[in-house]
Protein backbone atom coordinates (compact mmCIF):
# COMPACT_ATOMS: atom_id res chain seq x y z
CA MET A 1 -21.65 -7.97 1.80
CA ILE A 2 -17.92 -8.34 1.27
CA ILE A 3 -15.86 -9.40 4.28
CA LEU A 4 -12.13 -8.79 4.19
CA ARG A 5 -9.82 -10.90 6.27
CA ARG A 6 -7.08 -8.96 8.06
CA THR A 7 -4.55 -11.70 7.40
CA ARG A 8 -4.29 -13.56 4.13
CA LEU A 9 -1.80 -16.36 4.70
CA SER A 10 -1.33 -17.18 1.02
CA THR A 11 -0.57 -13.55 0.23
CA ALA A 12 1.73 -13.24 3.24
CA ARG A 13 3.74 -16.23 2.07
CA LYS A 14 4.07 -14.74 -1.38
CA THR A 15 4.96 -11.17 -0.43
CA GLY A 16 6.61 -11.66 2.94
CA TYR A 17 4.02 -9.49 4.69
CA CYS A 18 1.25 -10.16 7.17
CA VAL A 19 -0.95 -8.23 9.58
CA ILE A 20 -0.53 -9.07 13.27
CA LEU A 21 -2.34 -7.97 16.42
CA THR A 22 -0.36 -6.17 19.11
CA GLU A 23 -1.05 -6.51 22.83
CA GLU A 24 -3.24 -3.40 22.61
CA GLY A 25 -5.38 -5.08 19.97
CA LYS A 26 -4.10 -2.84 17.19
CA CYS A 27 -2.97 -4.10 13.82
CA ALA A 28 0.63 -3.73 12.75
CA PHE A 29 2.15 -4.15 9.29
CA LYS A 30 4.99 -6.66 9.52
CA LEU A 31 7.33 -8.68 7.38
CA ARG A 32 7.24 -12.42 7.89
CA LYS A 33 10.71 -13.58 8.81
CA THR A 34 12.74 -16.35 10.36
CA GLU A 35 15.85 -15.92 12.46
CA LYS A 36 17.97 -16.64 9.40
CA ASP A 37 16.09 -14.20 7.18
CA THR A 38 18.36 -11.22 7.69
CA PRO A 39 17.35 -9.27 4.53
CA LYS A 40 13.69 -9.21 5.56
CA LYS A 41 14.62 -8.31 9.12
CA ILE A 42 16.56 -5.33 7.79
CA LEU A 43 13.66 -4.32 5.54
CA GLU A 44 11.22 -4.49 8.44
CA ALA A 45 13.42 -2.19 10.51
CA ALA A 46 13.82 0.23 7.61
CA LEU A 47 10.08 0.23 6.92
CA HIS A 48 9.26 1.06 10.51
CA LEU A 49 11.88 3.78 10.93
CA VAL A 50 11.41 5.49 7.56
CA ALA A 51 7.62 5.51 7.98
CA ARG A 52 7.89 6.89 11.53
CA ASP A 53 10.83 9.31 11.32
CA GLY A 54 11.27 10.09 7.62
CA TYR A 55 14.04 9.08 5.23
CA ALA A 56 16.29 12.05 6.02
CA ASN A 57 16.17 11.38 9.76
CA VAL A 58 17.11 7.69 9.59
CA SER A 59 20.71 6.52 9.31
CA MET A 60 22.18 3.15 8.42
CA ARG A 61 23.25 2.89 12.06
CA ASP A 62 19.65 3.44 13.21
CA ILE A 63 18.41 0.69 10.91
CA ALA A 64 21.16 -1.69 12.00
CA ARG A 65 20.33 -1.09 15.66
CA GLU A 66 16.60 -1.61 15.06
CA ALA A 67 17.21 -4.81 13.08
CA GLY A 68 19.83 -6.16 15.46
CA VAL A 69 22.44 -6.48 12.71
CA SER A 70 25.70 -4.78 11.79
CA ILE A 71 26.01 -1.98 9.25
CA SER A 72 28.21 -4.27 7.14
CA GLN A 73 25.31 -6.72 6.85
CA ILE A 74 23.07 -3.98 5.48
CA SER A 75 25.81 -3.03 3.02
CA TYR A 76 26.19 -6.67 1.99
CA TYR A 77 22.51 -7.12 1.11
CA TYR A 78 21.55 -3.63 -0.07
CA ASN A 79 24.84 -1.83 -0.79
CA ASN A 80 23.76 1.49 0.76
CA LYS A 81 20.79 3.44 2.09
CA GLU A 82 19.54 4.20 -1.42
CA GLY A 83 19.62 0.51 -2.32
CA LEU A 84 17.62 -0.27 0.79
CA VAL A 85 14.97 2.29 -0.17
CA SER A 86 14.75 0.77 -3.66
CA ALA A 87 14.05 -2.58 -2.00
CA LEU A 88 11.35 -0.93 0.12
CA VAL A 89 9.70 0.47 -3.02
CA LYS A 90 9.69 -3.00 -4.57
CA GLU A 91 8.15 -4.55 -1.46
CA LEU A 92 5.58 -1.76 -1.29
CA LYS A 93 4.52 -2.46 -4.88
CA GLU A 94 4.27 -6.22 -4.42
CA THR A 95 2.32 -5.90 -1.20
CA VAL A 96 -0.23 -3.37 -2.46
CA ILE A 97 -0.81 -5.06 -5.80
CA ASN A 98 -0.93 -8.64 -4.50
CA GLU A 99 -3.30 -7.71 -1.66
CA PHE A 100 -5.58 -5.75 -3.99
CA CYS A 101 -5.67 -8.41 -6.72
CA ALA A 102 -6.25 -11.28 -4.27
CA GLY A 103 -9.64 -9.87 -3.31
CA LEU A 104 -10.61 -9.00 -6.89
CA GLU A 105 -10.79 -12.70 -7.72
CA ARG A 106 -14.03 -12.90 -5.71
CA VAL A 107 -15.71 -9.96 -7.50
CA THR A 108 -18.21 -10.93 -10.20
CA ASP A 109 -20.08 -7.73 -11.17
CA ALA A 110 -19.80 -3.94 -11.33
CA GLY A 111 -21.60 -3.35 -8.02
CA GLY A 112 -19.40 -5.89 -6.30
CA PHE A 113 -16.32 -4.19 -7.71
CA ALA A 114 -17.35 -0.82 -6.24
CA ASP A 115 -18.14 -2.40 -2.87
CA TYR A 116 -14.88 -4.34 -2.78
CA LEU A 117 -12.71 -1.41 -3.81
CA CYS A 118 -14.01 0.84 -1.05
CA ALA A 119 -14.06 -1.90 1.59
CA TYR A 120 -10.46 -2.75 0.69
CA ALA A 121 -9.46 0.92 0.86
CA LYS A 122 -10.99 1.34 4.33
CA GLU A 123 -9.30 -1.82 5.58
CA SER A 124 -5.95 -0.82 4.14
CA VAL A 125 -6.02 2.76 5.44
CA SER A 126 -7.22 1.92 8.96
CA HIS A 127 -5.19 -1.24 9.61
CA ASN A 128 -2.04 -0.67 7.52
CA ALA A 129 -1.33 2.92 8.52
CA GLU A 130 2.42 2.29 8.59
CA LEU A 131 2.30 1.18 4.96
CA HIS A 132 0.59 4.42 3.96
CA ARG A 133 3.06 6.49 5.99
CA LEU A 134 5.84 4.77 4.07
CA ARG A 135 4.12 5.45 0.73
CA ILE A 136 3.76 9.15 1.58
CA GLU A 137 7.39 9.40 2.69
CA LEU A 138 8.64 7.65 -0.46
CA SER A 139 6.44 9.88 -2.63
CA ASN A 140 7.92 12.97 -0.97
CA LEU A 141 11.38 11.57 -1.53
CA ALA A 142 10.58 10.95 -5.21
CA MET A 143 9.81 14.65 -5.72
CA ASN A 144 13.49 15.46 -5.18
CA SER A 145 15.15 12.36 -6.63
CA GLY A 146 15.04 11.35 -10.27
CA ALA A 147 16.00 7.75 -9.51
CA PHE A 148 13.35 7.25 -6.85
CA ARG A 149 10.81 9.15 -8.95
CA ALA A 150 11.09 6.54 -11.70
CA GLU A 151 10.59 3.71 -9.22
CA ILE A 152 7.56 5.30 -7.55
CA ARG A 153 6.04 6.13 -10.93
CA ALA A 154 6.42 2.48 -11.93
CA VAL A 155 4.36 1.46 -8.88
CA ASP A 156 1.72 4.06 -9.69
CA ARG A 157 1.63 3.05 -13.36
CA GLU A 158 1.14 -0.65 -12.64
CA LEU A 159 -1.59 -0.02 -10.09
CA THR A 160 -3.36 2.36 -12.49
CA GLU A 161 -3.22 -0.18 -15.33
CA ILE A 162 -4.69 -2.94 -13.15
CA LEU A 163 -7.50 -0.72 -11.93
CA ALA A 164 -8.23 0.65 -15.42
CA SER A 165 -8.50 -2.85 -16.87
CA ARG A 166 -10.97 -3.84 -14.17
CA LEU A 167 -13.07 -0.73 -14.76
CA GLU A 168 -13.13 -1.43 -18.48
CA ALA A 169 -14.24 -5.02 -17.92
CA CYS A 170 -17.11 -4.20 -15.53
CA GLU A 171 -20.57 -5.42 -16.54
CA PRO A 172 -22.83 -3.56 -16.65
CA PRO A 173 -20.56 -0.66 -17.66
CA LEU A 174 -19.84 2.02 -15.06
CA ALA A 175 -20.38 5.66 -15.95
CA ILE A 176 -17.09 6.70 -14.35
CA ALA A 177 -15.13 4.52 -16.80
CA SER A 178 -16.44 6.41 -19.84
CA PRO A 179 -14.75 7.65 -21.92
CA SER A 180 -11.37 6.85 -20.30
CA PRO A 181 -10.91 3.97 -17.81
CA ARG A 182 -7.33 5.07 -17.18
CA ARG A 183 -8.35 8.60 -16.29
CA ALA A 184 -11.01 7.18 -13.97
CA ALA A 185 -8.38 4.92 -12.37
CA ASP A 186 -6.14 7.94 -11.74
CA PHE A 187 -9.06 9.69 -10.03
CA ILE A 188 -9.88 6.69 -7.81
CA ILE A 189 -6.26 6.26 -6.71
CA ALA A 190 -5.98 9.98 -5.96
CA VAL A 191 -9.12 9.83 -3.79
CA ILE A 192 -7.99 6.75 -1.84
CA PHE A 193 -4.47 8.07 -1.23
CA GLY A 194 -5.86 11.49 -0.33
CA VAL A 195 -8.20 9.98 2.24
CA ALA A 196 -5.27 7.97 3.64
CA ALA A 197 -3.26 11.17 4.10
CA GLN A 198 -6.19 12.90 5.83
CA TYR A 199 -6.70 9.89 8.09
CA LEU A 200 -3.08 10.02 9.23
CA VAL A 201 -3.07 13.80 9.74
CA ARG A 202 -6.26 13.56 11.81
CA GLY A 203 -4.76 10.94 14.08
CA GLY A 204 -6.80 8.00 12.80
CA GLU A 205 -10.21 9.67 12.98
CA GLU A 206 -12.65 7.03 11.72
CA LYS A 207 -15.06 9.63 10.35
CA THR A 208 -12.46 10.48 7.71
CA LEU A 209 -13.10 7.12 6.05
CA GLU A 210 -16.69 8.10 5.29
CA ALA A 211 -15.35 9.90 2.22
CA LEU A 212 -14.80 6.44 0.75
CA ASP A 213 -18.54 5.79 0.99
CA VAL A 214 -19.04 8.74 -1.37
CA LEU A 215 -16.52 7.16 -3.73
CA ARG A 216 -18.43 3.87 -3.59
CA GLU A 217 -21.71 5.53 -4.53
CA THR A 218 -19.98 7.39 -7.36
CA LEU A 219 -18.54 4.14 -8.68
CA ARG A 220 -21.87 2.34 -8.55
CA ARG A 221 -23.45 4.73 -11.03
CA ARG A 222 -23.97 2.91 -14.29
CA VAL A 223 -24.05 4.10 -17.86
CA GLU A 224 -27.60 5.25 -18.61
C-alpha cells in the first residue's frame, strides 16, 4: 500500500508550495511565504482569484487588494497582468512536476507505478482542487492566446516526457506502453485531467474519483 503525505516539507521548500488545513479541516493549496516575500504573496493572491473568478474577471487592483500590496508593487515584480500569469504557469509546472517526481522515487516496479500514479492523482484532485481550477482556467486562456498557449504546451510536454520515460522503464513491461509510451502518457494525462474537471463540476463528489481505479487496473495489465 502506498501512503501519500499531504504535506511534503522538502518539496514545499523547493517549490514554495505546501498544503495546509483550514479551520473546517479542509486542505488548501498555499504558497509558503514570509512577511518580506512580496512576490510570493502576490502570486498566492493571483492564484486564488484567477482559480476562483477566472482570468478575465480579475483585475490588477483585485490582486493588489487580496495580497495587501500596491499595484505598483505588482508592476515592479511582474510588469503587468500577463507577466503575472506567466509566473503562475511557471509555478504550476514546478509544483506539479516536483510533487509527482518526489513520490516516484519510492516506486520500484510496474505494479507499484500504477498504484502510485492513481493514488497521487486522487490525492491531487481531492486536496488540491484550487490548483486544478487554475490549470483549467489557464488552459482555457491558452486557447485564445498564442503566448500563453506556448507556455501551457511546455508544461504539458515536460509532464508527458517524464511519464513516458517512466512507462518505458517499467519492469515487467506494461501493455499500455506498447508500442508508444508517449501516446500512452498522453492518454493517462487526459484521463486524470478529465476526472479532475468532472470532480470540480460535480462539486467534489468523491464517487467521481472511482474512475481512477479503472485507470489503475488498465495500467497494471502487463505485456502477455
